[in-house]
Amino acid sequence: MHPVLLQFGGLKIYSWGFMLAIAAILAILGIRRRFDREGYDREMVLDMVIIMVLFGILGGRVAYIIVYEWAEFLANPLSFFSPGLSGLVWYGAFIGGLLAFLLYIWKKRLDFWEMADIFAPYLALGYALVRIGCFLNGCCYGLPTGSEFGVVFPHLDAELRHPTQLYSSLLNFILAAFLLWLYERRLFKGQVFIVYLIGYSIYRFIMEFFRFSLINWGPFTLGQVYTLILLAVALGLYLWIGIKSKENIYIKRSRHR
C-alpha cells in the first residue's frame, strides 16, 4: 500500500516521498544559513543534500533487500524499484548517505567533523519528518496495544497498535532542537554529530520494544543489535575525541558572537 497525497494526471506524489522532499528542503535552508554564518560557500549545500539523499535511498534499499527480500530480489530484480520508495532500512540509508558525504568533503577538502556537526541537527529533523511519512504510508508500525494512543492500520489488520512512527517523530524533533542548542555550546569539533549518534541509539533501542520486528536475535530485535553496536562506537568516539581535544582543539566561542 502506497498512499497517494496528490495526483496530477499520471503523476503521483506519495506521502513518504513528499515528507522526504520537505525534509530535504528544510535541511538545505537551515544548512545554508549555517554555512553563511561559518564562512563556507552556501552553493555547496544543494549538491551535498541531494547527493546524500540519493545515496541514502540507494543504501537503504540495498540493505532492505539484503535483510528482508533477498530471495524475492533474485526471482525478480526489478523489485528493487519499488513504487513510493517503500522498503528501506535506516542503517543502510545512513551508511549510503555517509559515504556520499565523505566523498564530497574529501573532494572539496572540507573538515569532516566540522561538516558533520553542521549537518547533524538536520539529520534528526529529517528523520522526524520522514517518520511522519512512514505513518501516512502505514509502514514501520508498532506492536498491538490496549493504550489510548493505539492506532488501527486498516491495510494490516483491525488491531490497535503503537504509532511508533509518531513516537519516533516526536523524539527526533526534540533531539534536533537539542542539537541546534548544543552546536552553539560545543566543546570540540565532532561533539554535535557524536551526540546525535548517541541520542539516536538510545531512542532507537527503547523504541524497538514497541515496534513490530520480523527478525529477533534472542531477547533483542535486529534493530537493537545494530543500535548497540552504533552506541558502543559513538561512546568510544566521544571519549577519544573529547580527551584528545582537551589538548589543542577547543572551539573559540568568539566565533559565534
Foldseek 3Di string as FASTA:
>chain_A
DWDFPDDDPPDTDTLLNVLLVVLLVVLLVQLLVVCVLLVHDSVVSNVLSVQLQVQLLVQFLVVQCVVPNVVVCVVPVVCSPPPNSPRGDNVRSVVRSVVSNVVVCVVVVHDPLQVLLSNLLSVLQSLLSSLVSCLVRVPFWWDADPDPQFDADVVPHGGTAHSLSNVSNVQSNVLSVVSVVCSLVPFFRNPSNLVSLLSVLVVQLVSQVTTDAPAADVPGGPSNVVSVVSNVVSVVVCVVRVVVCVVPGTDDSVSVD
